[in-house]
Amino acid sequence: YGKKDLMSYFKGWIGSVMEHIEEDEKDAFKKRVQTGVKKLVGMCKELQVFTGPSMDPDATMVFAYYKDGAAAPTFVYFKDALREVKC
């Protein structure tokens, strides 16, 4: 992924997630997601990208990067795109 590719993905992804966000939460979501998108796009060369078992890139993706000197990656999830499953 390059910066343009990642921005293109996020534009489509945000639109699909917005369909599932309650009307009174949409402005708060836009503000939260904008911060995360800017950070991820700025570090796109450092990212590892993971999809779910469906391998559907239109579903949400998980991003991972290594902080300076870290042996294990830090994973980034957008909570608004996750579905809670009670076990």
PDB file of N, CA and C in Angstrom:
ATOM      1  N   TYR A   1       0.824  -1.193   0.000  1.00  0.00           N
ATOM      2  CA  TYR A   1       0.000   0.000   0.000  1.00  0.00           C
ATOM      3  C   TYR A   1       0.864   1.251   0.000  1.00  0.00           C
ATOM      4  N   GLY A   2       0.464   2.213  -0.808  1.00  0.00           N
ATOM      5  CA  GLY A   2       1.035   3.547  -0.758  1.00  0.00           C
ATOM      6  C   GLY A   2       0.032   4.466  -0.068  1.00  0.00           C
ATOM      7  N   LYS A   3       0.418   5.717   0.125  1.00  0.00           N
ATOM      8  CA  LYS A   3      -0.472   6.661   0.807  1.00  0.00           C
ATOM      9  C   LYS A   3      -1.783   6.846   0.044  1.00  0.00           C
ATOM     10  N   LYS A   4      -1.705   6.951  -1.288  1.00  0.00           N
ATOM     11  CA  LYS A   4      -2.914   7.129  -2.088  1.00  0.00           C
ATOM     12  C   LYS A   4      -3.838   5.917  -1.970  1.00  0.00           C
ATOM     13  N   ASP A   5      -3.244   4.729  -2.020  1.00  0.00           N
ATOM     14  CA  ASP A   5      -4.036   3.500  -1.903  1.00  0.00           C
ATOM     15  C   ASP A   5      -4.726   3.435  -0.545  1.00  0.00           C
ATOM     16  N   LEU A   6      -3.988   3.763   0.493  1.00  0.00           N
ATOM     17  CA  LEU A   6      -4.536   3.696   1.841  1.00  0.00           C
ATOM     18  C   LEU A   6      -5.655   4.725   2.028  1.00  0.00           C
ATOM     19  N   MET A   7      -5.460   5.939   1.517  1.00  0.00           N
ATOM     20  CA  MET A   7      -6.511   6.958   1.609  1.00  0.00           C
ATOM     21  C   MET A   7      -7.752   6.527   0.836  1.00  0.00           C
ATOM     22  N   SER A   8      -7.559   5.938  -0.313  1.00  0.00           N
ATOM     23  CA  SER A   8      -8.688   5.458  -1.114  1.00  0.00           C
ATOM     24  C   SER A   8      -9.455   4.377  -0.354  1.00  0.00           C
ATOM     25  N   TYR A   9      -8.720   3.453   0.267  1.00  0.00           N
ATOM     26  CA  TYR A   9      -9.364   2.412   1.068  1.00  0.00           C
ATOM     27  C   TYR A   9     -10.167   3.042   2.197  1.00  0.00           C
ATOM     28  N   PHE A  10      -9.558   3.972   2.926  1.00  0.00           N
ATOM     29  CA  PHE A  10     -10.230   4.571   4.073  1.00  0.00           C
ATOM     30  C   PHE A  10     -11.482   5.341   3.672  1.00  0.00           C
ATOM     31  N   LYS A  11     -11.469   6.012   2.542  1.00  0.00           N
ATOM     32  CA  LYS A  11     -12.658   6.747   2.102  1.00  0.00           C
ATOM     33  C   LYS A  11     -13.833   5.801   1.915  1.00  0.00           C
ATOM     34  N   GLY A  12     -13.609   4.696   1.230  1.00  0.00           N
ATOM     35  CA  GLY A  12     -14.674   3.711   1.040  1.00  0.00           C
ATOM     36  C   GLY A  12     -15.078   3.048   2.342  1.00  0.00           C
ATOM     37  N   TRP A  13     -14.096   2.723   3.160  1.00  0.00           N
ATOM     38  CA  TRP A  13     -14.350   2.051   4.424  1.00  0.00           C
ATOM     39  C   TRP A  13     -15.164   2.933   5.368  1.00  0.00           C
ATOM     40  N   ILE A  14     -14.804   4.213   5.461  1.00  0.00           N
ATOM     41  CA  ILE A  14     -15.530   5.128   6.339  1.00  0.00           C
ATOM     42  C   ILE A  14     -16.991   5.217   5.900  1.00  0.00           C
ATOM     43  N   GLY A  15     -17.225   5.291   4.592  1.00  0.00           N
ATOM     44  CA  GLY A  15     -18.596   5.329   4.087  1.00  0.00           C
ATOM     45  C   GLY A  15     -19.391   4.110   4.475  1.00  0.00           C
ATOM     46  N   SER A  16     -18.776   2.927   4.391  1.00  0.00           N
ATOM     47  CA  SER A  16     -19.514   1.709   4.740  1.00  0.00           C
ATOM     48  C   SER A  16     -19.742   1.606   6.253  1.00  0.00           C
ATOM     49  N   VAL A  17     -18.792   2.061   7.053  1.00  0.00           N
ATOM     50  CA  VAL A  17     -18.975   2.027   8.503  1.00  0.00           C
ATOM     51  C   VAL A  17     -20.036   3.045   8.932  1.00  0.00           C
ATOM     52  N   MET A  18     -20.073   4.195   8.266  1.00  0.00           N
ATOM     53  CA  MET A  18     -21.049   5.240   8.604  1.00  0.00           C
ATOM     54  C   MET A  18     -22.486   4.736   8.491  1.00  0.00           C
ATOM     55  N   GLU A  19     -22.712   3.776   7.610  1.00  0.00           N
ATOM     56  CA  GLU A  19     -24.058   3.212   7.454  1.00  0.00           C
ATOM     57  C   GLU A  19     -24.521   2.511   8.727  1.00  0.00           C
ATOM     58  N   HIS A  20     -23.589   2.080   9.562  1.00  0.00           N
ATOM     59  CA  HIS A  20     -23.915   1.329  10.768  1.00  0.00           C
ATOM     60  C   HIS A  20     -23.793   2.153  12.054  1.00  0.00           C
ATOM     61  N   ILE A  21     -23.378   3.403  11.921  1.00  0.00           N
ATOM     62  CA  ILE A  21     -23.220   4.279  13.080  1.00  0.00           C
ATOM     63  C   ILE A  21     -24.550   5.003  13.311  1.00  0.00           C
ATOM     64  N   GLU A  22     -24.947   5.081  14.563  1.00  0.00           N
ATOM     65  CA  GLU A  22     -26.185   5.786  14.884  1.00  0.00           C
ATOM     66  C   GLU A  22     -26.036   7.262  14.538  1.00  0.00           C
ATOM     67  N   GLU A  23     -27.130   7.863  14.114  1.00  0.00           N
ATOM     68  CA  GLU A  23     -27.116   9.247  13.627  1.00  0.00           C
ATOM     69  C   GLU A  23     -26.479  10.222  14.611  1.00  0.00           C
ATOM     70  N   ASP A  24     -26.799  10.080  15.890  1.00  0.00           N
ATOM     71  CA  ASP A  24     -26.261  11.014  16.883  1.00  0.00           C
ATOM     72  C   ASP A  24     -24.788  10.772  17.204  1.00  0.00           C
ATOM     73  N   GLU A  25     -24.212   9.697  16.696  1.00  0.00           N
ATOM     74  CA  GLU A  25     -22.800   9.373  16.935  1.00  0.00           C
ATOM     75  C   GLU A  25     -21.902   9.654  15.735  1.00  0.00           C
ATOM     76  N   LYS A  26     -22.492  10.023  14.611  1.00  0.00           N
ATOM     77  CA  LYS A  26     -21.716  10.157  13.374  1.00  0.00           C
ATOM     78  C   LYS A  26     -20.642  11.243  13.455  1.00  0.00           C
ATOM     79  N   ASP A  27     -20.966  12.390  14.042  1.00  0.00           N
ATOM     80  CA  ASP A  27     -19.962  13.457  14.135  1.00  0.00           C
ATOM     81  C   ASP A  27     -18.793  13.047  15.015  1.00  0.00           C
ATOM     82  N   ALA A  28     -19.082  12.400  16.131  1.00  0.00           N
ATOM     83  CA  ALA A  28     -18.018  11.933  17.032  1.00  0.00           C
ATOM     84  C   ALA A  28     -17.155  10.878  16.341  1.00  0.00           C
ATOM     85  N   PHE A  29     -17.793   9.998  15.584  1.00  0.00           N
ATOM     86  CA  PHE A  29     -17.053   8.974  14.852  1.00  0.00           C
ATOM     87  C   PHE A  29     -16.106   9.623  13.842  1.00  0.00           C
ATOM     88  N   LYS A  30     -16.618  10.579  13.070  1.00  0.00           N
ATOM     89  CA  LYS A  30     -15.784  11.241  12.065  1.00  0.00           C
ATOM     90  C   LYS A  30     -14.552  11.881  12.701  1.00  0.00           C
ATOM     91  N   LYS A  31     -14.735  12.490  13.844  1.00  0.00           N
ATOM     92  CA  LYS A  31     -13.616  13.145  14.531  1.00  0.00           C
ATOM     93  C   LYS A  31     -12.590  12.106  14.999  1.00  0.00           C
ATOM     94  N   ARG A  32     -13.081  11.013  15.602  1.00  0.00           N
ATOM     95  CA  ARG A  32     -12.177   9.960  16.091  1.00  0.00           C
ATOM     96  C   ARG A  32     -11.421   9.295  14.952  1.00  0.00           C
ATOM     97  N   VAL A  33     -12.133   8.949  13.909  1.00  0.00           N
ATOM     98  CA  VAL A  33     -11.520   8.185  12.831  1.00  0.00           C
ATOM     99  C   VAL A  33     -10.521   9.047  12.054  1.00  0.00           C
ATOM    100  N   GLN A  34     -10.763  10.343  11.957  1.00  0.00           N
ATOM    101  CA  GLN A  34      -9.852  11.226  11.236  1.00  0.00           C
ATOM    102  C   GLN A  34      -8.460  11.212  11.862  1.00  0.00           C
ATOM    103  N   THR A  35      -8.402  11.223  13.177  1.00  0.00           N
ATOM    104  CA  THR A  35      -7.119  11.187  13.876  1.00  0.00           C
ATOM    105  C   THR A  35      -6.369   9.892  13.569  1.00  0.00           C
ATOM    106  N   GLY A  36      -7.071   8.770  13.647  1.00  0.00           N
ATOM    107  CA  GLY A  36      -6.447   7.473  13.383  1.00  0.00           C
ATOM    108  C   GLY A  36      -5.999   7.322  11.939  1.00  0.00           C
ATOM    109  N   VAL A  37      -6.817   7.782  11.016  1.00  0.00           N
ATOM    110  CA  VAL A  37      -6.477   7.679   9.590  1.00  0.00           C
ATOM    111  C   VAL A  37      -5.231   8.500   9.285  1.00  0.00           C
ATOM    112  N   LYS A  38      -5.159   9.712   9.804  1.00  0.00           N
ATOM    113  CA  LYS A  38      -3.974  10.551   9.561  1.00  0.00           C
ATOM    114  C   LYS A  38      -2.711   9.875  10.070  1.00  0.00           C
ATOM    115  N   LYS A  39      -2.803   9.292  11.257  1.00  0.00           N
ATOM    116  CA  LYS A  39      -1.628   8.631  11.825  1.00  0.00           C
ATOM    117  C   LYS A  39      -1.211   7.433  10.970  1.00  0.00           C
ATOM    118  N   LEU A  40      -2.173   6.603  10.582  1.00  0.00           N
ATOM    119  CA  LEU A  40      -1.845   5.410   9.805  1.00  0.00           C
ATOM    120  C   LEU A  40      -1.328   5.754   8.413  1.00  0.00           C
ATOM    121  N   VAL A  41      -1.926   6.732   7.765  1.00  0.00           N
ATOM    122  CA  VAL A  41      -1.461   7.123   6.438  1.00  0.00           C
ATOM    123  C   VAL A  41      -0.038   7.683   6.525  1.00  0.00           C
ATOM    124  N   GLY A  42       0.249   8.418   7.581  1.00  0.00           N
ATOM    125  CA  GLY A  42       1.582   8.973   7.766  1.00  0.00           C
ATOM    126  C   GLY A  42       2.657   7.926   7.978  1.00  0.00           C
ATOM    127  N   MET A  43       2.260   6.761   8.437  1.00  0.00           N
ATOM    128  CA  MET A  43       3.248   5.708   8.680  1.00  0.00           C
ATOM    129  C   MET A  43       2.998   4.487   7.791  1.00  0.00           C
ATOM    130  N   CYS A  44       2.405   4.696   6.628  1.00  0.00           N
ATOM    131  CA  CYS A  44       1.979   3.579   5.781  1.00  0.00           C
ATOM    132  C   CYS A  44       3.120   2.634   5.395  1.00  0.00           C
ATOM    133  N   LYS A  45       4.333   3.125   5.266  1.00  0.00           N
ATOM    134  CA  LYS A  45       5.447   2.249   4.886  1.00  0.00           C
ATOM    135  C   LYS A  45       5.855   1.306   6.008  1.00  0.00           C
ATOM    136  N   GLU A  46       5.467   1.629   7.234  1.00  0.00           N
ATOM    137  CA  GLU A  46       5.817   0.801   8.386  1.00  0.00           C
ATOM    138  C   GLU A  46       4.728  -0.221   8.724  1.00  0.00           C
ATOM    139  N   LEU A  47       3.568  -0.110   8.079  1.00  0.00           N
ATOM    140  CA  LEU A  47       2.411  -0.921   8.472  1.00  0.00           C
ATOM    141  C   LEU A  47       2.412  -2.313   7.872  1.00  0.00           C
ATOM    142  N   GLN A  48       1.896  -3.227   8.657  1.00  0.00           N
ATOM    143  CA  GLN A  48       1.499  -4.539   8.168  1.00  0.00           C
ATOM    144  C   GLN A  48      -0.024  -4.517   8.205  1.00  0.00           C
ATOM    145  N   VAL A  49      -0.650  -5.087   7.193  1.00  0.00           N
ATOM    146  CA  VAL A  49      -2.109  -5.031   7.086  1.00  0.00           C
ATOM    147  C   VAL A  49      -2.658  -6.454   7.115  1.00  0.00           C
ATOM    148  N   PHE A  50      -3.700  -6.660   7.929  1.00  0.00           N
ATOM    149  CA  PHE A  50      -4.317  -7.974   8.077  1.00  0.00           C
ATOM    150  C   PHE A  50      -5.814  -7.868   7.800  1.00  0.00           C
ATOM    151  N   THR A  51      -6.353  -8.889   7.175  1.00  0.00           N
ATOM    152  CA  THR A  51      -7.801  -8.976   6.970  1.00  0.00           C
ATOM    153  C   THR A  51      -8.342 -10.131   7.795  1.00  0.00           C
ATOM    154  N   GLY A  52      -9.642 -10.216   7.850  1.00  0.00           N
ATOM    155  CA  GLY A  52     -10.278 -11.318   8.559  1.00  0.00           C
ATOM    156  C   GLY A  52     -10.279 -12.577   7.721  1.00  0.00           C
ATOM    157  N   PRO A  53     -10.903 -13.639   8.225  1.00  0.00           N
ATOM    158  CA  PRO A  53     -10.914 -14.922   7.520  1.00  0.00           C
ATOM    159  C   PRO A  53     -11.591 -14.858   6.146  1.00  0.00           C
ATOM    160  N   SER A  54     -12.482 -13.896   5.957  1.00  0.00           N
ATOM    161  CA  SER A  54     -13.163 -13.778   4.662  1.00  0.00           C
ATOM    162  C   SER A  54     -12.233 -13.210   3.586  1.00  0.00           C
ATOM    163  N   MET A  55     -11.112 -12.624   4.019  1.00  0.00           N
ATOM    164  CA  MET A  55     -10.158 -11.970   3.119  1.00  0.00           C
ATOM    165  C   MET A  55     -10.825 -10.844   2.327  1.00  0.00           C
ATOM    166  N   ASP A  56     -11.870 -10.270   2.886  1.00  0.00           N
ATOM    167  CA  ASP A  56     -12.621  -9.202   2.242  1.00  0.00           C
ATOM    168  C   ASP A  56     -12.026  -7.855   2.646  1.00  0.00           C
ATOM    169  N   PRO A  57     -11.339  -7.169   1.729  1.00  0.00           N
ATOM    170  CA  PRO A  57     -10.735  -5.886   2.082  1.00  0.00           C
ATOM    171  C   PRO A  57     -11.776  -4.791   2.327  1.00  0.00           C
ATOM    172  N   ASP A  58     -13.020  -5.021   1.888  1.00  0.00           N
ATOM    173  CA  ASP A  58     -14.076  -4.047   2.150  1.00  0.00           C
ATOM    174  C   ASP A  58     -14.588  -4.165   3.577  1.00  0.00           C
ATOM    175  N   ALA A  59     -14.276  -5.264   4.213  1.00  0.00           N
ATOM    176  CA  ALA A  59     -14.555  -5.386   5.642  1.00  0.00           C
ATOM    177  C   ALA A  59     -13.440  -4.612   6.343  1.00  0.00           C
ATOM    178  N   THR A  60     -13.418  -4.637   7.633  1.00  0.00           N
ATOM    179  CA  THR A  60     -12.364  -3.871   8.318  1.00  0.00           C
ATOM    180  C   THR A  60     -11.028  -4.603   8.229  1.00  0.00           C
ATOM    181  N   MET A  61      -9.975  -3.845   8.275  1.00  0.00           N
ATOM    182  CA  MET A  61      -8.641  -4.411   8.294  1.00  0.00           C
ATOM    183  C   MET A  61      -7.986  -4.030   9.616  1.00  0.00           C
ATOM    184  N   VAL A  62      -6.999  -4.800   9.989  1.00  0.00           N
ATOM    185  CA  VAL A  62      -6.233  -4.546  11.212  1.00  0.00           C
ATOM    186  C   VAL A  62      -4.835  -4.144  10.770  1.00  0.00           C
ATOM    187  N   PHE A  63      -4.300  -3.155  11.437  1.00  0.00           N
ATOM    188  CA  PHE A  63      -2.987  -2.631  11.087  1.00  0.00           C
ATOM    189  C   PHE A  63      -2.025  -2.896  12.233  1.00  0.00           C
ATOM    190  N   ALA A  64      -0.777  -3.197  11.879  1.00  0.00           N
ATOM    191  CA  ALA A  64       0.245  -3.456  12.894  1.00  0.00           C
ATOM    192  C   ALA A  64       1.517  -2.708  12.511  1.00  0.00           C
ATOM    193  N   TYR A  65       2.216  -2.256  13.537  1.00  0.00           N
ATOM    194  CA  TYR A  65       3.515  -1.617  13.337  1.00  0.00           C
ATOM    195  C   TYR A  65       4.359  -1.875  14.570  1.00  0.00           C
ATOM    196  N   TYR A  66       5.659  -1.718  14.414  1.00  0.00           N
ATOM    197  CA  TYR A  66       6.590  -1.910  15.515  1.00  0.00           C
ATOM    198  C   TYR A  66       7.028  -0.554  16.045  1.00  0.00           C
ATOM    199  N   LYS A  67       6.804  -0.342  17.331  1.00  0.00           N
ATOM    200  CA  LYS A  67       7.326   0.865  17.969  1.00  0.00           C
ATOM    201  C   LYS A  67       8.844   0.731  18.051  1.00  0.00           C
ATOM    202  N   ASP A  68       9.520   1.835  18.186  1.00  0.00           N
ATOM    203  CA  ASP A  68      10.982   1.819  18.227  1.00  0.00           C
ATOM    204  C   ASP A  68      11.513   0.802  19.235  1.00  0.00           C
ATOM    205  N   GLY A  69      12.300  -0.150  18.735  1.00  0.00           N
ATOM    206  CA  GLY A  69      12.942  -1.135  19.594  1.00  0.00           C
ATOM    207  C   GLY A  69      12.036  -2.236  20.107  1.00  0.00           C
ATOM    208  N   ALA A  70      10.769  -2.238  19.742  1.00  0.00           N
ATOM    209  CA  ALA A  70       9.831  -3.253  20.246  1.00  0.00           C
ATOM    210  C   ALA A  70      10.041  -4.582  19.538  1.00  0.00           C
ATOM    211  N   ALA A  71       9.916  -5.659  20.296  1.00  0.00           N
ATOM    212  CA  ALA A  71      10.036  -6.995  19.727  1.00  0.00           C
ATOM    213  C   ALA A  71       8.694  -7.493  19.207  1.00  0.00           C
ATOM    214  N   ALA A  72       7.613  -6.950  19.761  1.00  0.00           N
ATOM    215  CA  ALA A  72       6.267  -7.365  19.357  1.00  0.00           C
ATOM    216  C   ALA A  72       5.542  -6.171  18.725  1.00  0.00           C
ATOM    217  N   PRO A  73       4.679  -6.429  17.750  1.00  0.00           N
ATOM    218  CA  PRO A  73       3.981  -5.326  17.083  1.00  0.00           C
ATOM    219  C   PRO A  73       2.865  -4.734  17.941  1.00  0.00           C
ATOM    220  N   THR A  74       2.494  -3.523  17.603  1.00  0.00           N
ATOM    221  CA  THR A  74       1.318  -2.868  18.163  1.00  0.00           C
ATOM    222  C   THR A  74       0.233  -2.971  17.109  1.00  0.00           C
ATOM    223  N   PHE A  75      -0.938  -3.467  17.487  1.00  0.00           N
ATOM    224  CA  PHE A  75      -2.049  -3.623  16.555  1.00  0.00           C
ATOM    225  C   PHE A  75      -3.031  -2.479  16.718  1.00  0.00           C
ATOM    226  N   VAL A  76      -3.570  -2.025  15.596  1.00  0.00           N
ATOM    227  CA  VAL A  76      -4.527  -0.923  15.596  1.00  0.00           C
ATOM    228  C   VAL A  76      -5.847  -1.426  15.019  1.00  0.00           C
ATOM    229  N   TYR A  77      -6.897  -1.294  15.827  1.00  0.00           N
ATOM    230  CA  TYR A  77      -8.254  -1.644  15.425  1.00  0.00           C
ATOM    231  C   TYR A  77      -9.107  -0.387  15.537  1.00  0.00           C
ATOM    232  N   PHE A  78     -10.063  -0.220  14.659  1.00  0.00           N
ATOM    233  CA  PHE A  78     -11.041   0.849  14.803  1.00  0.00           C
ATOM    234  C   PHE A  78     -12.256   0.244  15.496  1.00  0.00           C
ATOM    235  N   LYS A  79     -12.489   0.647  16.728  1.00  0.00           N
ATOM    236  CA  LYS A  79     -13.520   0.010  17.546  1.00  0.00           C
ATOM    237  C   LYS A  79     -14.910   0.127  16.946  1.00  0.00           C
ATOM    238  N   ASP A  80     -15.181   1.188  16.217  1.00  0.00           N
ATOM    239  CA  ASP A  80     -16.508   1.362  15.634  1.00  0.00           C
ATOM    240  C   ASP A  80     -16.790   0.351  14.525  1.00  0.00           C
ATOM    241  N   ALA A  81     -15.758  -0.286  14.017  1.00  0.00           N
ATOM    242  CA  ALA A  81     -15.921  -1.266  12.946  1.00  0.00           C
ATOM    243  C   ALA A  81     -15.965  -2.702  13.464  1.00  0.00           C
ATOM    244  N   LEU A  82     -15.880  -2.852  14.783  1.00  0.00           N
ATOM    245  CA  LEU A  82     -15.904  -4.194  15.363  1.00  0.00           C
ATOM    246  C   LEU A  82     -17.308  -4.515  15.841  1.00  0.00           C
ATOM    247  N   ARG A  83     -17.647  -5.763  15.784  1.00  0.00           N
ATOM    248  CA  ARG A  83     -18.936  -6.225  16.272  1.00  0.00           C
ATOM    249  C   ARG A  83     -18.694  -7.052  17.524  1.00  0.00           C
ATOM    250  N   GLU A  84     -19.421  -6.723  18.570  1.00  0.00           N
ATOM    251  CA  GLU A  84     -19.270  -7.446  19.837  1.00  0.00           C
ATOM    252  C   GLU A  84     -19.966  -8.788  19.740  1.00  0.00           C
ATOM    253  N   VAL A  85     -19.252  -9.819  20.157  1.00  0.00           N
ATOM    254  CA  VAL A  85     -19.809 -11.164  20.189  1.00  0.00           C
ATOM    255  C   VAL A  85     -19.735 -11.646  21.624  1.00  0.00           C
ATOM    256  N   LYS A  86     -20.871 -11.962  22.178  1.00  0.00           N
ATOM    257  CA  LYS A  86     -20.898 -12.452  23.559  1.00  0.00           C
ATOM    258  C   LYS A  86     -20.805 -13.965  23.541  1.00  0.00           C
ATOM    259  N   CYS A  87     -19.915 -14.472  24.341  1.00  0.00           N
ATOM    260  CA  CYS A  87     -19.708 -15.921  24.397  1.00  0.00           C
ATOM    261  C   CYS A  87     -20.329 -16.490  25.663  1.00  0.00           C
TER     262      CYS A  87
END
